[in-house]
C-alpha cells in the first residue's frame, strides 16, 4: 500500500467524535495560529525588498539558467499542489460531522490510485532528466558565448582569474593590466575566463550573469559570460574557503565601449607594477581588500600560479618535461647542471654517455 492509500484509509477509519474534545479544540486553535503566523512570515519575506538576483539576469547565460530554474520548479509543483489540495479536501471530507462520507475500514488497494501515484512522478522524473541533459550541454562552461547581435564582430576579452586568500585577482593579458576585487567588461562583448586557485578550492560566481565555476590549485577551469545591460554586478565566493570567506567579494562592471576604454586607461595609469615580489605580498592572507589596479604585468604570471612556481621554484610542467627527457636514453640517470656534474665527477666516475645526457637535460632546463 502506498503512502497515499495509507493516508486515505486512516482518514476514513479514524474519525473525530461528533462532539470535539477540549484537546481537539486546542489543536485546531494551534493550527490556525500557526497558519496565520506562516502567512505573515511569507508576506513579510515578499515585502522585505530582498533582491533575488538569480531571477534578475543580465546576460544570456543567466537568462537560460533562470528559465531552467522556473521550468524545474513548475515540473516539481505538479505533484505538490494536488497533494496540498487533497490533504485539505480529505480533512474536510472525512470530518466527524460528515456522516455521508464513505466508511470502509477494510479498504486495502486501488489500481487507479497506484497508477496515478507511480505514473505522474515517473513522467516528471523523465521530463526533468531530459531538460537537465539538454541544458547541461547548452550551458557547458567550455562553450564560448557569442557576441551580441549589435556587435557581431566583437572579439572575446580574455580574463585570467586567480582566487587568493581572500581576494580575487583578475589579469587582462590583452591589455597588460591586472586588478584586485574589481573587473570590467564591455556590454555585448563575450568574456572568456581562465580560472585557477593559488590556495584552497573556491567558487567564482556572478549571480546576475550566471554559471558559478570552481577554482582549484594546479588546475584550470574555463567560463564564458556576457553582460547585455550596463550596471555593476556583485561577484562572490560561493564555496567556503576559510576565515575571510565572507569578505571575498568583487564587483563586475558592465560598461559601454567608451567607458571600458576609460577604465583600462585608469588601470594603466595606476603606476603600480605587479612583479613577483608584489604578487607574493598580495597572495598573503588578507580580508576586505579594496579594488587595486596594476600595470607592467608578467605575461607568464597566470601560468606560474597554475604550475605552482610564482614563488620562483621550478614549474610543474617544466618538471614533467625534464622527467620525460631523462627517459630518452637508458643511461640518462642524472638531471643536473654541468657544474654539478663536474663536482660530482671528482668522487664518482661519469661516463661519456652520461655527461652528454646531463648536458642535454641542462640545455632544456628552464631559466627561472
Protein backbone atom coordinates (compact mmCIF):
# COMPACT_ATOMS: atom_id res chain seq x y z
CA UNK A 1 0.00 0.00 0.00
CA UNK A 2 1.37 3.42 -0.92
CA UNK A 3 1.52 6.45 1.37
CA UNK A 4 -1.47 7.88 -0.47
CA UNK A 5 -3.57 4.75 0.18
CA UNK A 6 -2.50 4.60 3.79
CA UNK A 7 -3.41 8.23 4.46
CA UNK A 8 -6.82 7.81 2.82
CA UNK A 9 -7.54 4.64 4.83
CA UNK A 10 -6.60 6.34 8.09
CA UNK A 11 -8.80 9.29 7.25
CA UNK A 12 -11.79 7.00 6.69
CA UNK A 13 -11.18 4.67 9.62
CA UNK A 14 -10.35 7.10 12.40
CA UNK A 15 -12.93 9.86 12.67
CA UNK A 16 -13.17 12.63 15.17
CA UNK A 17 -16.06 12.30 17.61
CA UNK A 18 -19.29 14.19 17.00
CA UNK A 19 -18.57 16.46 19.95
CA UNK A 20 -14.95 17.63 19.77
CA UNK A 21 -12.99 17.34 22.96
CA UNK A 22 -11.16 20.29 24.56
CA UNK A 23 -7.88 18.85 23.31
CA UNK A 24 -9.11 18.80 19.72
CA UNK A 25 -10.33 22.40 20.03
CA UNK A 26 -6.93 23.42 21.36
CA UNK A 27 -5.25 21.60 18.47
CA UNK A 28 -7.45 23.41 15.95
CA UNK A 29 -6.65 26.78 17.51
CA UNK A 30 -2.92 25.98 17.45
CA UNK A 31 -3.12 25.01 13.77
CA UNK A 32 -4.98 28.22 12.90
CA UNK A 33 -2.47 30.30 14.84
CA UNK A 34 0.43 28.55 13.11
CA UNK A 35 -1.10 29.11 9.67
CA UNK A 36 -1.61 32.79 10.46
CA UNK A 37 1.99 33.20 11.56
CA UNK A 38 3.17 31.37 8.44
CA UNK A 39 1.11 33.68 6.23
CA UNK A 40 2.50 36.74 7.99
CA UNK A 41 6.06 35.44 7.61
CA UNK A 42 5.55 34.77 3.91
CA UNK A 43 4.11 38.24 3.39
CA UNK A 44 7.00 39.85 5.28
CA UNK A 45 9.51 37.96 3.14
CA UNK A 46 7.81 39.09 -0.06
CA UNK A 47 7.58 42.72 1.06
CA UNK A 48 11.04 42.91 2.62
CA UNK A 49 12.68 44.19 -0.57
CA UNK A 50 15.13 41.31 -0.90
CA UNK A 51 16.79 41.22 -4.31
CA UNK A 52 16.51 37.83 -5.95
CA UNK A 53 19.43 38.47 -8.28
CA UNK A 54 19.42 34.99 -9.81
CA UNK A 55 15.89 35.72 -11.10
CA UNK A 56 17.03 39.09 -12.47
CA UNK A 57 19.64 38.02 -15.08
CA UNK A 58 21.61 40.50 -17.17
CA UNK A 59 23.16 38.13 -19.70
CA UNK A 60 22.26 35.16 -21.92
CA UNK A 61 23.73 32.54 -19.58
CA UNK A 62 21.91 33.91 -16.55
CA UNK A 63 18.68 34.14 -18.56
CA UNK A 64 18.94 30.50 -19.66
CA UNK A 65 19.57 29.41 -16.06
CA UNK A 66 16.57 31.42 -14.85
CA UNK A 67 14.31 29.70 -17.40
CA UNK A 68 15.70 26.33 -16.31
CA UNK A 69 15.03 27.06 -12.62
CA UNK A 70 11.45 28.17 -13.30
CA UNK A 71 10.75 25.15 -15.52
CA UNK A 72 12.16 22.74 -12.93
CA UNK A 73 10.10 24.31 -10.14
CA UNK A 74 6.91 24.14 -12.21
CA UNK A 75 7.52 20.49 -13.04
CA UNK A 76 8.08 19.65 -9.39
CA UNK A 77 4.93 21.54 -8.37
CA UNK A 78 2.81 19.17 -10.46
CA UNK A 79 2.55 16.64 -7.59
CA UNK A 80 2.97 19.14 -4.77
CA UNK A 81 -0.10 21.29 -5.44
CA UNK A 82 -2.53 18.34 -5.83
CA UNK A 83 -1.20 16.77 -2.62
CA UNK A 84 -1.81 20.00 -0.70
CA UNK A 85 -5.32 20.31 -2.16
CA UNK A 86 -6.16 16.66 -1.44
CA UNK A 87 -4.86 16.92 2.13
CA UNK A 88 -7.25 19.81 2.83
CA UNK A 89 -10.06 18.04 0.99
CA UNK A 90 -9.56 14.79 2.94
CA UNK A 91 -9.67 16.70 6.23
CA UNK A 92 -12.93 18.35 5.20
CA UNK A 93 -14.48 15.30 3.51
CA UNK A 94 -13.85 12.89 6.38
CA UNK A 95 -14.56 15.29 9.25
CA UNK A 96 -16.55 14.00 12.20
CA UNK A 97 -19.74 15.85 11.31
CA UNK A 98 -19.92 14.46 7.76
CA UNK A 99 -21.98 11.31 8.08
CA UNK A 100 -22.32 10.93 4.30
CA UNK A 101 -18.63 10.13 3.75
CA UNK A 102 -17.90 6.52 2.86
CA UNK A 103 -16.65 4.49 5.78
CA UNK A 104 -14.64 1.49 4.55
CA UNK A 105 -12.30 0.08 7.22
CA UNK A 106 -11.49 -2.92 5.03
CA UNK A 107 -10.04 -0.85 2.17
CA UNK A 108 -6.66 -2.24 1.07
CA UNK A 109 -5.82 -1.47 -2.54
CA UNK A 110 -6.78 0.58 -5.59
CA UNK A 111 -5.24 0.05 -9.02
CA UNK A 112 -6.30 3.52 -10.13
CA UNK A 113 -4.62 5.22 -7.20
CA UNK A 114 -1.49 3.12 -7.66
CA UNK A 115 -1.35 4.10 -11.35
CA UNK A 116 -1.61 7.80 -10.53
CA UNK A 117 0.85 7.65 -7.63
CA UNK A 118 3.54 5.94 -9.73
CA UNK A 119 2.92 7.27 -13.24
CA UNK A 120 2.96 11.02 -12.51
CA UNK A 121 6.29 11.06 -10.58
CA UNK A 122 7.86 8.82 -13.22
CA UNK A 123 6.83 11.18 -16.01
CA UNK A 124 8.13 14.17 -14.03
CA UNK A 125 11.49 12.50 -13.47
CA UNK A 126 11.77 11.71 -17.18
CA UNK A 127 10.94 15.33 -18.05
CA UNK A 128 13.45 16.71 -15.53
CA UNK A 129 16.14 14.33 -16.76
CA UNK A 130 15.57 15.35 -20.37
CA UNK A 131 15.66 19.06 -19.56
CA UNK A 132 18.79 18.63 -17.44
CA UNK A 133 20.58 16.68 -20.16
CA UNK A 134 19.83 19.29 -22.84
CA UNK A 135 20.58 22.33 -20.68
CA UNK A 136 23.82 20.80 -19.33
CA UNK A 137 25.24 20.67 -22.85
CA UNK A 138 23.84 24.06 -23.87
CA UNK A 139 25.31 25.72 -20.77
CA UNK A 140 28.67 23.93 -20.88
CA UNK A 141 31.18 26.46 -19.46
CA UNK A 142 33.67 25.44 -22.17
CA UNK A 143 31.27 26.63 -24.90
CA UNK A 144 32.17 30.22 -25.71
CA UNK A 145 29.31 32.71 -25.69
CA UNK A 146 28.72 34.57 -28.94
CA UNK A 147 28.81 38.36 -29.19
CA UNK A 148 25.57 40.32 -29.05
CA UNK A 149 23.61 40.87 -32.28
CA UNK A 150 24.54 44.58 -32.42
CA UNK A 151 28.27 43.72 -32.09
CA UNK A 152 28.74 40.69 -34.37
CA UNK A 153 32.45 41.33 -34.92
CA UNK A 154 33.37 41.84 -31.25
CA UNK A 155 36.27 39.62 -30.20
CA UNK A 156 36.13 37.93 -26.78
CA UNK A 157 38.06 39.50 -23.95
CA UNK A 158 40.44 37.13 -22.18
CA UNK A 159 40.49 37.37 -18.39
CA UNK A 160 42.69 35.20 -16.17
CA UNK A 161 41.29 34.77 -12.66
CA UNK A 162 43.23 33.68 -9.57
CA UNK A 163 41.46 33.10 -6.26
CA UNK A 164 43.63 34.06 -3.30
CA UNK A 165 43.11 34.16 0.47
CA UNK A 166 40.70 36.04 0.48
CA UNK A 167 40.56 38.13 -2.65
CA UNK A 168 40.20 37.84 -6.41
CA UNK A 169 42.96 38.69 -8.88
CA UNK A 170 41.91 39.49 -12.47
CA UNK A 171 44.57 39.60 -15.19
CA UNK A 172 43.85 41.10 -18.62
CA UNK A 173 46.68 39.78 -20.83
CA UNK A 174 45.37 41.63 -23.90
CA UNK A 175 45.70 44.96 -22.12
CA UNK A 176 48.66 44.32 -19.82
CA UNK A 177 46.79 45.18 -16.62
CA UNK A 178 45.53 43.38 -13.53
CA UNK A 179 43.02 44.27 -10.82
CA UNK A 180 42.04 43.03 -7.40
CA UNK A 181 38.37 42.64 -6.40
CA UNK A 182 37.14 44.53 -9.44
CA UNK A 183 36.70 43.68 -13.10
CA UNK A 184 35.03 45.26 -16.12
CA UNK A 185 33.63 44.18 -19.46
CA UNK A 186 32.02 45.95 -22.42
CA UNK A 187 28.29 45.38 -22.85
CA UNK A 188 27.57 42.85 -25.58
CA UNK A 189 31.14 41.55 -25.75
CA UNK A 190 31.78 37.97 -24.58
CA UNK A 191 34.34 37.39 -21.85
CA UNK A 192 36.35 34.19 -21.70
CA UNK A 193 37.63 33.40 -18.21
CA UNK A 194 40.52 31.09 -17.35
CA UNK A 195 40.45 30.33 -13.64
CA UNK A 196 42.72 28.73 -11.07
CA UNK A 197 43.44 28.97 -7.35
CA UNK A 198 46.63 29.87 -5.55
CA UNK A 199 45.31 28.35 -2.34
CA UNK A 200 42.28 26.25 -1.39
CA UNK A 201 39.42 25.37 -3.71
CA UNK A 202 36.99 28.22 -4.30
CA UNK A 203 33.99 29.06 -6.46
CA UNK A 204 33.68 32.04 -8.82
CA UNK A 205 30.12 33.35 -9.19
CA UNK A 206 28.45 36.46 -10.63
CA UNK A 207 24.77 35.61 -9.93
CA UNK A 208 23.21 38.01 -12.45
CA UNK A 209 25.47 36.75 -15.23
CA UNK A 210 25.24 33.08 -14.28
CA UNK A 211 27.30 29.89 -14.04
CA UNK A 212 29.41 29.54 -10.93
CA UNK A 213 32.64 27.64 -11.61
CA UNK A 214 35.21 26.17 -9.24
CA UNK A 215 38.83 27.22 -8.98
CA UNK A 216 41.36 24.59 -7.86
CA UNK A 217 45.08 24.63 -7.22
CA UNK A 218 47.07 23.23 -10.12
CA UNK A 219 44.00 23.02 -12.35
CA UNK A 220 42.47 25.39 -14.89
CA UNK A 221 38.74 25.80 -15.44
CA UNK A 222 37.01 27.88 -18.09
CA UNK A 223 33.88 30.00 -18.26
CA UNK A 224 32.29 32.29 -20.86
CA UNK A 225 29.86 35.07 -19.93
CA UNK A 226 28.33 38.16 -21.49
CA UNK A 227 26.61 41.19 -20.00
CA UNK A 228 23.79 42.68 -22.05
CA UNK A 229 22.97 45.62 -19.78
CA UNK A 230 25.14 48.29 -18.21
CA UNK A 231 25.46 48.11 -14.47
CA UNK A 232 27.52 46.96 -11.51
CA UNK A 233 27.03 43.32 -10.57
CA UNK A 234 28.15 41.69 -7.35
CA UNK A 235 30.57 38.78 -7.56
CA UNK A 236 31.05 36.38 -4.69
CA UNK A 237 32.91 33.34 -3.49
CA UNK A 238 30.30 30.57 -3.48
CA UNK A 239 32.43 27.99 -1.66
CA UNK A 240 33.54 28.31 1.96
CA UNK A 241 37.29 28.87 1.96
CA UNK A 242 38.26 29.90 5.45
CA UNK A 243 38.23 32.83 7.83
CA UNK A 244 37.89 35.60 5.23
CA UNK A 245 35.23 33.88 3.12
CA UNK A 246 32.52 36.44 3.98
CA UNK A 247 34.60 39.32 2.64
CA UNK A 248 35.76 37.59 -0.55
CA UNK A 249 33.63 39.72 -2.87
CA UNK A 250 34.21 41.75 -6.02
CA UNK A 251 32.33 43.98 -8.43
CA UNK A 252 31.83 43.30 -12.12
CA UNK A 253 31.26 46.50 -14.13
CA UNK A 254 29.35 46.20 -17.41
CA UNK A 255 30.30 49.34 -19.34
CA UNK A 256 29.86 50.91 -22.72
CA UNK A 257 32.81 50.61 -25.09
CA UNK A 258 33.94 54.17 -24.31
CA UNK A 259 33.66 53.69 -20.55
CA UNK A 260 35.50 50.37 -20.77
CA UNK A 261 38.38 52.05 -22.62
CA UNK A 262 38.44 54.72 -19.90
CA UNK A 263 38.53 52.01 -17.23
CA UNK A 264 41.51 50.35 -18.96
CA UNK A 265 43.29 53.72 -19.17
CA UNK A 266 42.65 54.29 -15.47
CA UNK A 267 44.20 50.94 -14.59
CA UNK A 268 47.22 51.61 -16.81
CA UNK A 269 47.94 54.91 -15.06
CA UNK A 270 47.90 53.33 -11.61
CA UNK A 271 51.70 53.19 -11.69
CA UNK A 272 51.89 50.02 -9.60
CA UNK A 273 53.72 47.08 -11.18
CA UNK A 274 52.73 43.50 -10.48
CA UNK A 275 56.07 41.71 -10.27
CA UNK A 276 56.94 38.55 -8.38
CA UNK A 277 57.55 40.34 -5.08
CA UNK A 278 54.27 42.25 -5.34
CA UNK A 279 52.37 39.08 -6.15
CA UNK A 280 53.85 37.20 -3.18
CA UNK A 281 52.80 40.06 -0.91
CA UNK A 282 49.33 40.08 -2.48
CA UNK A 283 48.98 36.31 -2.06
CA UNK A 284 49.32 36.55 1.72
CA UNK A 285 46.02 36.01 3.57
CA UNK A 286 44.05 39.22 3.87
CA UNK A 287 40.41 40.27 4.04
CA UNK A 288 38.21 43.02 2.63
CA UNK A 289 40.72 44.31 0.10
CA UNK A 290 39.75 47.46 -1.76
CA UNK A 291 39.90 47.44 -5.57
CA UNK A 292 43.52 47.80 -6.69
CA UNK A 293 44.99 48.28 -10.18
CA UNK A 294 48.30 47.03 -11.53
CA UNK A 295 50.29 47.57 -14.70
CA UNK A 296 53.54 46.08 -16.05
CA UNK A 297 52.20 42.55 -15.67
CA UNK A 298 54.38 39.48 -16.03
CA UNK A 299 52.76 37.77 -19.07
CA UNK A 300 53.56 34.36 -17.54
CA UNK A 301 52.07 35.13 -14.11
CA UNK A 302 48.92 33.06 -14.54
CA UNK A 303 50.99 30.17 -15.95
CA UNK A 304 53.30 30.35 -12.96
CA UNK A 305 50.42 30.39 -10.47
CA UNK A 306 48.80 27.46 -12.25
CA UNK A 307 52.07 25.49 -12.15
CA UNK A 308 52.98 26.43 -8.58
CA UNK A 309 56.12 28.41 -9.40
CA UNK A 310 55.06 32.01 -8.80
CA UNK A 311 57.48 32.00 -5.85
CA UNK A 312 60.46 31.26 -8.12
CA UNK A 313 60.51 27.49 -7.73
CA UNK A 314 60.55 25.01 -10.62
CA UNK A 315 57.25 24.89 -12.50
CA UNK A 316 55.34 21.63 -12.54
CA UNK A 317 55.14 21.43 -16.32
CA UNK A 318 58.89 22.01 -16.60
CA UNK A 319 59.47 19.24 -14.05
CA UNK A 320 57.37 16.90 -16.18
CA UNK A 321 59.35 17.84 -19.30
CA UNK A 322 62.65 17.23 -17.55
CA UNK A 323 61.45 13.85 -16.32
CA UNK A 324 60.50 12.93 -19.85
CA UNK A 325 63.90 14.00 -21.15
CA UNK A 326 65.57 11.62 -18.71
CA UNK A 327 63.77 8.68 -20.31
CA UNK A 328 65.07 9.44 -23.81
CA UNK A 329 68.18 7.33 -23.16
CA UNK A 330 68.59 4.38 -20.76
CA UNK A 331 71.89 5.80 -19.47
CA UNK A 332 70.46 9.23 -18.62
CA UNK A 333 70.43 8.79 -14.83
CA UNK A 334 71.08 12.33 -13.68
CA UNK A 335 69.33 15.63 -14.38
CA UNK A 336 71.68 18.33 -13.13
CA UNK A 337 73.65 21.34 -14.23
CA UNK A 338 77.11 20.77 -15.87
CA UNK A 339 78.98 22.37 -12.96
CA UNK A 340 77.30 19.99 -10.51
CA UNK A 341 78.26 17.07 -12.75
CA UNK A 342 81.91 18.19 -12.76
CA UNK A 343 81.95 18.46 -8.98
CA UNK A 344 80.46 15.03 -8.61
CA UNK A 345 82.86 13.62 -11.23
CA UNK A 346 85.74 14.02 -8.78
CA UNK A 347 84.07 11.50 -6.47
CA UNK A 348 82.13 9.21 -8.81
CA UNK A 349 83.19 8.31 -12.34
CA UNK A 350 80.85 9.64 -15.01
CA UNK A 351 80.72 8.00 -18.43
CA UNK A 352 80.92 9.96 -21.67
CA UNK A 353 77.34 8.99 -22.50
CA UNK A 354 76.03 10.18 -19.12
CA UNK A 355 77.85 13.51 -19.49
CA UNK A 356 76.25 14.09 -22.85
CA UNK A 357 72.82 13.33 -21.38
CA UNK A 358 73.48 15.70 -18.48
CA UNK A 359 74.34 18.42 -20.96
CA UNK A 360 71.22 17.64 -22.96
CA UNK A 361 68.98 17.82 -19.90
CA UNK A 362 70.52 21.01 -18.60
CA UNK A 363 70.16 22.62 -22.03
CA UNK A 364 66.37 22.31 -21.83
CA UNK A 365 66.13 23.30 -18.16
CA UNK A 366 64.06 26.47 -17.68
CA UNK A 367 65.66 29.68 -16.55
CA UNK A 368 63.75 30.92 -13.55
